[in-house]
Amino acid sequence: MGGAGRRLRRVGHPANRGSEHDAESASELVPGFVPEDETERSLAEDRVLRAGWTWGLPREGHPEGAVGVHVGHLLDRIDAWGETASRRSELRFLALIHDALKHEVRDWQPKTGENLHAMRARRHGECYTSDERLLSTLELHDRPYTLWRRLRRSGKLDERGFIRMLERVADPPLFLRFVELDGSTEGKNPEPVYWLTGELRRRGVV
């Protein structure tokens, strides 16, 4: 798996195995998903992720409903884009985890800090890798959309928020590629991706 293979690891969490979803194959929870390496085989057995892939009803931005269906679409798009080697492995890893912790967000608490699904995704990703390039992408993958919505409402960019995001992103090209990937499915508004791409290019970041 190239460089990504050296960075990704399986941290032993026996409690992550065995759930009511075990009777379903990973390819049923994430249509078309066939693990391509040891890390992906561990992800396929992770009961937290398996529960997360079943979560979700059709809603704005996600007409497909379940997270696993969305993830399946992203894996198909990675194939269609022709991504190879470490970049393919990295994007697949991010796709499999990025939204799978939405079911653990506590709706009765503010959706900030550790109660953000993206932060929970990062924390779960830490079970598999110490690569900050991947972890910061998991943590911040929804931040551009939040900044874009604030810009649309106020007419003014939250410059401090944008800079704070950039300071945390360890690999801007990978981050942008995943934001493009996540925003490429049916029901997603492409404008935030166009905006982010323009801002990063204007600043010489990518």
C-alpha atoms as a PDB file:
ATOM      1  CA  MET A   1       0.000   0.000   0.000  1.00  0.00           C
ATOM      2  CA  GLY A   2       3.014   2.287  -0.264  1.00  0.00           C
ATOM      3  CA  GLY A   3       3.610   5.095   2.215  1.00  0.00           C
ATOM      4  CA  ALA A   4       0.069   4.996   3.523  1.00  0.00           C
ATOM      5  CA  GLY A   5       0.510   1.354   4.421  1.00  0.00           C
ATOM      6  CA  ARG A   6       3.406   2.182   6.706  1.00  0.00           C
ATOM      7  CA  ARG A   7       1.391   4.879   8.477  1.00  0.00           C
ATOM      8  CA  LEU A   8      -1.842   2.948   8.935  1.00  0.00           C
ATOM      9  CA  ARG A   9      -1.941   0.431  11.719  1.00  0.00           C
ATOM     10  CA  ARG A  10      -4.505  -1.588  13.622  1.00  0.00           C
ATOM     11  CA  VAL A  11      -4.649  -0.826  17.322  1.00  0.00           C
ATOM     12  CA  GLY A  12      -6.142  -3.709  19.265  1.00  0.00           C
ATOM     13  CA  HIS A  13      -9.682  -2.947  20.399  1.00  0.00           C
ATOM     14  CA  PRO A  14     -11.461  -6.291  20.910  1.00  0.00           C
ATOM     15  CA  ALA A  15     -14.615  -4.437  21.935  1.00  0.00           C
ATOM     16  CA  ASN A  16     -14.844  -3.101  18.417  1.00  0.00           C
ATOM     17  CA  ARG A  17     -15.625  -6.569  17.127  1.00  0.00           C
ATOM     18  CA  GLY A  18     -18.916  -8.394  17.242  1.00  0.00           C
ATOM     19  CA  SER A  19     -22.292  -6.681  16.857  1.00  0.00           C
ATOM     20  CA  GLU A  20     -25.819  -7.169  15.661  1.00  0.00           C
ATOM     21  CA  HIS A  21     -24.591  -6.194  12.203  1.00  0.00           C
ATOM     22  CA  ASP A  22     -22.108  -9.081  11.948  1.00  0.00           C
ATOM     23  CA  ALA A  23     -24.546 -11.165   9.914  1.00  0.00           C
ATOM     24  CA  GLU A  24     -24.318  -8.570   7.168  1.00  0.00           C
ATOM     25  CA  SER A  25     -21.212  -8.464   5.025  1.00  0.00           C
ATOM     26  CA  ALA A  26     -19.273  -5.243   4.668  1.00  0.00           C
ATOM     27  CA  SER A  27     -20.350  -5.107   1.028  1.00  0.00           C
ATOM     28  CA  GLU A  28     -24.000  -5.047   2.161  1.00  0.00           C
ATOM     29  CA  LEU A  29     -23.393  -2.210   4.618  1.00  0.00           C
ATOM     30  CA  VAL A  30     -21.193  -0.325   2.134  1.00  0.00           C
ATOM     31  CA  PRO A  31     -22.342  -1.411  -1.332  1.00  0.00           C
ATOM     32  CA  GLY A  32     -19.449  -2.684  -3.410  1.00  0.00           C
ATOM     33  CA  PHE A  33     -16.889  -2.453  -0.597  1.00  0.00           C
ATOM     34  CA  VAL A  34     -14.256  -5.174  -0.822  1.00  0.00           C
ATOM     35  CA  PRO A  35     -11.329  -4.682   1.585  1.00  0.00           C
ATOM     36  CA  GLU A  36      -8.078  -4.175  -0.283  1.00  0.00           C
ATOM     37  CA  ASP A  37      -5.555  -4.538   2.557  1.00  0.00           C
ATOM     38  CA  GLU A  38      -5.198  -5.470   6.224  1.00  0.00           C
ATOM     39  CA  THR A  39      -6.317  -2.061   7.459  1.00  0.00           C
ATOM     40  CA  GLU A  40      -9.506  -2.186   5.413  1.00  0.00           C
ATOM     41  CA  ARG A  41     -10.209  -5.705   6.626  1.00  0.00           C
ATOM     42  CA  SER A  42     -10.001  -4.365  10.193  1.00  0.00           C
ATOM     43  CA  LEU A  43     -12.306  -1.476   9.299  1.00  0.00           C
ATOM     44  CA  ALA A  44     -14.795  -3.945   7.834  1.00  0.00           C
ATOM     45  CA  GLU A  45     -14.912  -5.794  11.187  1.00  0.00           C
ATOM     46  CA  ASP A  46     -15.114  -2.680  13.375  1.00  0.00           C
ATOM     47  CA  ARG A  47     -18.498  -2.754  15.114  1.00  0.00           C
ATOM     48  CA  VAL A  48     -18.533   1.006  15.677  1.00  0.00           C
ATOM     49  CA  LEU A  49     -18.080   1.669  11.969  1.00  0.00           C
ATOM     50  CA  ARG A  50     -20.529  -1.056  11.010  1.00  0.00           C
ATOM     51  CA  ALA A  51     -23.191   0.508  13.213  1.00  0.00           C
ATOM     52  CA  GLY A  52     -22.363   3.914  11.772  1.00  0.00           C
ATOM     53  CA  TRP A  53     -22.676   2.737   8.180  1.00  0.00           C
ATOM     54  CA  THR A  54     -26.282   1.701   8.826  1.00  0.00           C
ATOM     55  CA  TRP A  55     -27.237   5.100  10.301  1.00  0.00           C
ATOM     56  CA  GLY A  56     -29.175   7.740   8.408  1.00  0.00           C
ATOM     57  CA  LEU A  57     -32.409   8.410   6.542  1.00  0.00           C
ATOM     58  CA  PRO A  58     -32.757  10.403   3.310  1.00  0.00           C
ATOM     59  CA  ARG A  59     -32.156  14.076   4.112  1.00  0.00           C
ATOM     60  CA  GLU A  60     -30.818  17.278   2.591  1.00  0.00           C
ATOM     61  CA  GLY A  61     -27.400  16.632   1.111  1.00  0.00           C
ATOM     62  CA  HIS A  62     -27.816  12.878   1.574  1.00  0.00           C
ATOM     63  CA  PRO A  63     -30.762  11.618  -0.465  1.00  0.00           C
ATOM     64  CA  GLU A  64     -29.180   8.150  -0.371  1.00  0.00           C
ATOM     65  CA  GLY A  65     -29.975   7.833   3.342  1.00  0.00           C
ATOM     66  CA  ALA A  66     -27.608   5.459   5.109  1.00  0.00           C
ATOM     67  CA  VAL A  67     -24.002   6.513   5.618  1.00  0.00           C
ATOM     68  CA  GLY A  68     -22.817   3.230   4.134  1.00  0.00           C
ATOM     69  CA  VAL A  69     -24.549   3.969   0.833  1.00  0.00           C
ATOM     70  CA  HIS A  70     -22.856   7.383   0.725  1.00  0.00           C
ATOM     71  CA  VAL A  71     -19.506   5.737   1.430  1.00  0.00           C
ATOM     72  CA  GLY A  72     -20.121   3.241  -1.362  1.00  0.00           C
ATOM     73  CA  HIS A  73     -20.682   6.125  -3.763  1.00  0.00           C
ATOM     74  CA  LEU A  74     -17.393   7.690  -2.673  1.00  0.00           C
ATOM     75  CA  LEU A  75     -15.504   4.438  -3.237  1.00  0.00           C
ATOM     76  CA  ASP A  76     -17.021   4.241  -6.715  1.00  0.00           C
ATOM     77  CA  ARG A  77     -15.927   7.821  -7.406  1.00  0.00           C
ATOM     78  CA  ILE A  78     -12.361   7.034  -6.309  1.00  0.00           C
ATOM     79  CA  ASP A  79     -12.369   4.229  -8.882  1.00  0.00           C
ATOM     80  CA  ALA A  80     -13.799   6.534 -11.545  1.00  0.00           C
ATOM     81  CA  TRP A  81     -11.148   9.147 -10.831  1.00  0.00           C
ATOM     82  CA  GLY A  82      -8.443   6.540 -11.362  1.00  0.00           C
ATOM     83  CA  GLU A  83      -6.729   7.194  -8.047  1.00  0.00           C
ATOM     84  CA  THR A  84      -3.839   4.799  -7.436  1.00  0.00           C
ATOM     85  CA  ALA A  85      -1.201   3.794  -4.888  1.00  0.00           C
ATOM     86  CA  SER A  86      -1.059   5.688  -1.583  1.00  0.00           C
ATOM     87  CA  ARG A  87      -3.537   8.400  -2.612  1.00  0.00           C
ATOM     88  CA  ARG A  88      -6.152   5.739  -3.367  1.00  0.00           C
ATOM     89  CA  SER A  89      -5.562   4.053   0.015  1.00  0.00           C
ATOM     90  CA  GLU A  90      -5.724   7.380   1.850  1.00  0.00           C
ATOM     91  CA  LEU A  91      -8.970   8.475   0.197  1.00  0.00           C
ATOM     92  CA  ARG A  92     -10.586   5.084   0.828  1.00  0.00           C
ATOM     93  CA  PHE A  93      -9.552   5.186   4.494  1.00  0.00           C
ATOM     94  CA  LEU A  94     -11.010   8.681   4.880  1.00  0.00           C
ATOM     95  CA  ALA A  95     -14.210   7.745   3.055  1.00  0.00           C
ATOM     96  CA  LEU A  96     -14.827   4.693   5.232  1.00  0.00           C
ATOM     97  CA  ILE A  97     -14.513   6.614   8.506  1.00  0.00           C
ATOM     98  CA  HIS A  98     -15.476  10.263   7.863  1.00  0.00           C
ATOM     99  CA  ASP A  99     -19.262  10.088   8.488  1.00  0.00           C
ATOM    100  CA  ALA A 100     -19.458   6.782  10.358  1.00  0.00           C
ATOM    101  CA  LEU A 101     -19.490   8.373  13.815  1.00  0.00           C
ATOM    102  CA  LYS A 102     -22.605  10.483  13.217  1.00  0.00           C
ATOM    103  CA  HIS A 103     -24.636   7.935  15.161  1.00  0.00           C
ATOM    104  CA  GLU A 104     -22.584   8.692  18.289  1.00  0.00           C
ATOM    105  CA  VAL A 105     -23.242  12.446  18.302  1.00  0.00           C
ATOM    106  CA  ARG A 106     -25.363  13.426  21.328  1.00  0.00           C
ATOM    107  CA  ASP A 107     -28.247  15.478  19.945  1.00  0.00           C
ATOM    108  CA  TRP A 108     -29.084  16.932  23.373  1.00  0.00           C
ATOM    109  CA  GLN A 109     -25.619  18.512  23.648  1.00  0.00           C
ATOM    110  CA  PRO A 110     -24.093  21.366  21.598  1.00  0.00           C
ATOM    111  CA  LYS A 111     -22.537  20.104  18.362  1.00  0.00           C
ATOM    112  CA  THR A 112     -19.095  21.477  19.091  1.00  0.00           C
ATOM    113  CA  GLY A 113     -15.715  20.087  20.115  1.00  0.00           C
ATOM    114  CA  GLU A 114     -15.767  16.397  20.913  1.00  0.00           C
ATOM    115  CA  ASN A 115     -19.480  16.196  20.070  1.00  0.00           C
ATOM    116  CA  LEU A 116     -18.892  16.927  16.390  1.00  0.00           C
ATOM    117  CA  HIS A 117     -19.143  13.872  14.150  1.00  0.00           C
ATOM    118  CA  ALA A 118     -15.914  14.904  12.407  1.00  0.00           C
ATOM    119  CA  MET A 119     -14.002  15.083  15.693  1.00  0.00           C
ATOM    120  CA  ARG A 120     -15.411  11.717  16.697  1.00  0.00           C
ATOM    121  CA  ALA A 121     -14.254  10.379  13.324  1.00  0.00           C
ATOM    122  CA  ARG A 122     -10.769  11.682  14.063  1.00  0.00           C
ATOM    123  CA  ARG A 123     -10.747  10.033  17.484  1.00  0.00           C
ATOM    124  CA  HIS A 124     -11.795   6.728  15.961  1.00  0.00           C
ATOM    125  CA  GLY A 125      -9.253   7.137  13.182  1.00  0.00           C
ATOM    126  CA  GLU A 126      -6.571   7.410  15.863  1.00  0.00           C
ATOM    127  CA  CYS A 127      -7.180   3.707  16.539  1.00  0.00           C
ATOM    128  CA  TYR A 128      -5.735   2.998  13.102  1.00  0.00           C
ATOM    129  CA  THR A 129      -3.135   5.663  12.340  1.00  0.00           C
ATOM    130  CA  SER A 130      -0.988   8.402  13.821  1.00  0.00           C
ATOM    131  CA  ASP A 131      -0.692  10.149  10.440  1.00  0.00           C
ATOM    132  CA  GLU A 132      -1.759  13.744  11.088  1.00  0.00           C
ATOM    133  CA  ARG A 133      -2.411  14.229   7.370  1.00  0.00           C
ATOM    134  CA  LEU A 134      -5.271  11.744   7.593  1.00  0.00           C
ATOM    135  CA  LEU A 135      -6.440  12.676  11.081  1.00  0.00           C
ATOM    136  CA  SER A 136      -6.642  16.416  10.404  1.00  0.00           C
ATOM    137  CA  THR A 137      -8.596  15.729   7.223  1.00  0.00           C
ATOM    138  CA  LEU A 138     -11.104  13.622   9.165  1.00  0.00           C
ATOM    139  CA  GLU A 139     -11.418  16.293  11.845  1.00  0.00           C
ATOM    140  CA  LEU A 140     -11.832  19.248   9.479  1.00  0.00           C
ATOM    141  CA  HIS A 141     -13.566  17.796   6.428  1.00  0.00           C
ATOM    142  CA  ASP A 142     -16.824  19.677   7.122  1.00  0.00           C
ATOM    143  CA  ARG A 143     -15.199  22.964   8.193  1.00  0.00           C
ATOM    144  CA  PRO A 144     -15.088  24.474   4.670  1.00  0.00           C
ATOM    145  CA  TYR A 145     -18.853  24.031   4.324  1.00  0.00           C
ATOM    146  CA  THR A 146     -19.405  25.738   7.686  1.00  0.00           C
ATOM    147  CA  LEU A 147     -17.203  28.670   6.653  1.00  0.00           C
ATOM    148  CA  TRP A 148     -18.940  28.913   3.278  1.00  0.00           C
ATOM    149  CA  ARG A 149     -22.375  29.029   4.931  1.00  0.00           C
ATOM    150  CA  ARG A 150     -21.232  31.814   7.255  1.00  0.00           C
ATOM    151  CA  LEU A 151     -19.924  33.711   4.237  1.00  0.00           C
ATOM    152  CA  ARG A 152     -23.240  33.315   2.418  1.00  0.00           C
ATOM    153  CA  ARG A 153     -25.187  34.549   5.458  1.00  0.00           C
ATOM    154  CA  SER A 154     -22.984  37.508   6.376  1.00  0.00           C
ATOM    155  CA  GLY A 155     -21.335  38.398   3.081  1.00  0.00           C
ATOM    156  CA  LYS A 156     -17.968  38.373   4.843  1.00  0.00           C
ATOM    157  CA  LEU A 157     -15.418  35.597   5.160  1.00  0.00           C
ATOM    158  CA  ASP A 158     -14.501  34.500   8.672  1.00  0.00           C
ATOM    159  CA  GLU A 159     -10.812  35.063   7.941  1.00  0.00           C
ATOM    160  CA  ARG A 160      -9.653  34.035  11.391  1.00  0.00           C
ATOM    161  CA  GLY A 161     -11.651  30.828  11.156  1.00  0.00           C
ATOM    162  CA  PHE A 162     -10.249  30.102   7.701  1.00  0.00           C
ATOM    163  CA  ILE A 163      -6.671  30.651   8.866  1.00  0.00           C
ATOM    164  CA  ARG A 164      -7.220  28.465  11.945  1.00  0.00           C
ATOM    165  CA  MET A 165      -8.444  25.712   9.639  1.00  0.00           C
ATOM    166  CA  LEU A 166      -5.395  26.043   7.387  1.00  0.00           C
ATOM    167  CA  GLU A 167      -3.077  25.936  10.376  1.00  0.00           C
ATOM    168  CA  ARG A 168      -4.558  22.570  11.379  1.00  0.00           C
ATOM    169  CA  VAL A 169      -4.598  20.969   7.930  1.00  0.00           C
ATOM    170  CA  ALA A 170      -1.422  18.900   7.612  1.00  0.00           C
ATOM    171  CA  ASP A 171      -1.717  18.143   3.878  1.00  0.00           C
ATOM    172  CA  PRO A 172      -3.752  20.756   1.944  1.00  0.00           C
ATOM    173  CA  PRO A 173      -3.773  18.869  -1.404  1.00  0.00           C
ATOM    174  CA  LEU A 174      -5.078  15.702   0.276  1.00  0.00           C
ATOM    175  CA  PHE A 175      -7.572  17.743   2.286  1.00  0.00           C
ATOM    176  CA  LEU A 176      -8.894  19.472  -0.837  1.00  0.00           C
ATOM    177  CA  ARG A 177      -9.079  16.199  -2.764  1.00  0.00           C
ATOM    178  CA  PHE A 178     -11.170  14.615  -0.019  1.00  0.00           C
ATOM    179  CA  VAL A 179     -13.465  17.642   0.255  1.00  0.00           C
ATOM    180  CA  GLU A 180     -13.918  17.376  -3.527  1.00  0.00           C
ATOM    181  CA  LEU A 181     -14.667  13.671  -3.155  1.00  0.00           C
ATOM    182  CA  ASP A 182     -17.162  14.118  -0.323  1.00  0.00           C
ATOM    183  CA  GLY A 183     -18.901  16.899  -2.238  1.00  0.00           C
ATOM    184  CA  SER A 184     -19.152  14.956  -5.482  1.00  0.00           C
ATOM    185  CA  THR A 185     -22.190  12.804  -4.722  1.00  0.00           C
ATOM    186  CA  GLU A 186     -25.833  13.368  -5.591  1.00  0.00           C
ATOM    187  CA  GLY A 187     -27.529  15.986  -3.447  1.00  0.00           C
ATOM    188  CA  LYS A 188     -24.352  17.909  -2.606  1.00  0.00           C
ATOM    189  CA  ASN A 189     -24.052  21.572  -3.574  1.00  0.00           C
ATOM    190  CA  PRO A 190     -20.791  21.978  -5.541  1.00  0.00           C
ATOM    191  CA  GLU A 191     -20.453  25.688  -4.708  1.00  0.00           C
ATOM    192  CA  PRO A 192     -18.591  25.209  -1.387  1.00  0.00           C
ATOM    193  CA  VAL A 193     -15.997  23.048  -3.158  1.00  0.00           C
ATOM    194  CA  TYR A 194     -15.517  25.616  -5.932  1.00  0.00           C
ATOM    195  CA  TRP A 195     -15.160  28.323  -3.292  1.00  0.00           C
ATOM    196  CA  LEU A 196     -12.603  26.375  -1.244  1.00  0.00           C
ATOM    197  CA  THR A 197     -10.560  25.536  -4.329  1.00  0.00           C
ATOM    198  CA  GLY A 198     -10.474  29.189  -5.338  1.00  0.00           C
ATOM    199  CA  GLU A 199      -9.466  30.363  -1.854  1.00  0.00           C
ATOM    200  CA  LEU A 200      -6.665  27.804  -1.542  1.00  0.00           C
ATOM    201  CA  ARG A 201      -5.321  28.665  -4.981  1.00  0.00           C
ATOM    202  CA  ARG A 202      -5.552  32.402  -4.330  1.00  0.00           C
ATOM    203  CA  ARG A 203      -3.488  31.945  -1.177  1.00  0.00           C
ATOM    204  CA  GLY A 204      -0.950  29.727  -2.934  1.00  0.00           C
ATOM    205  CA  VAL A 205      -1.747  26.781  -0.681  1.00  0.00           C
ATOM    206  CA  VAL A 206      -2.392  24.340  -3.547  1.00  0.00           C
END
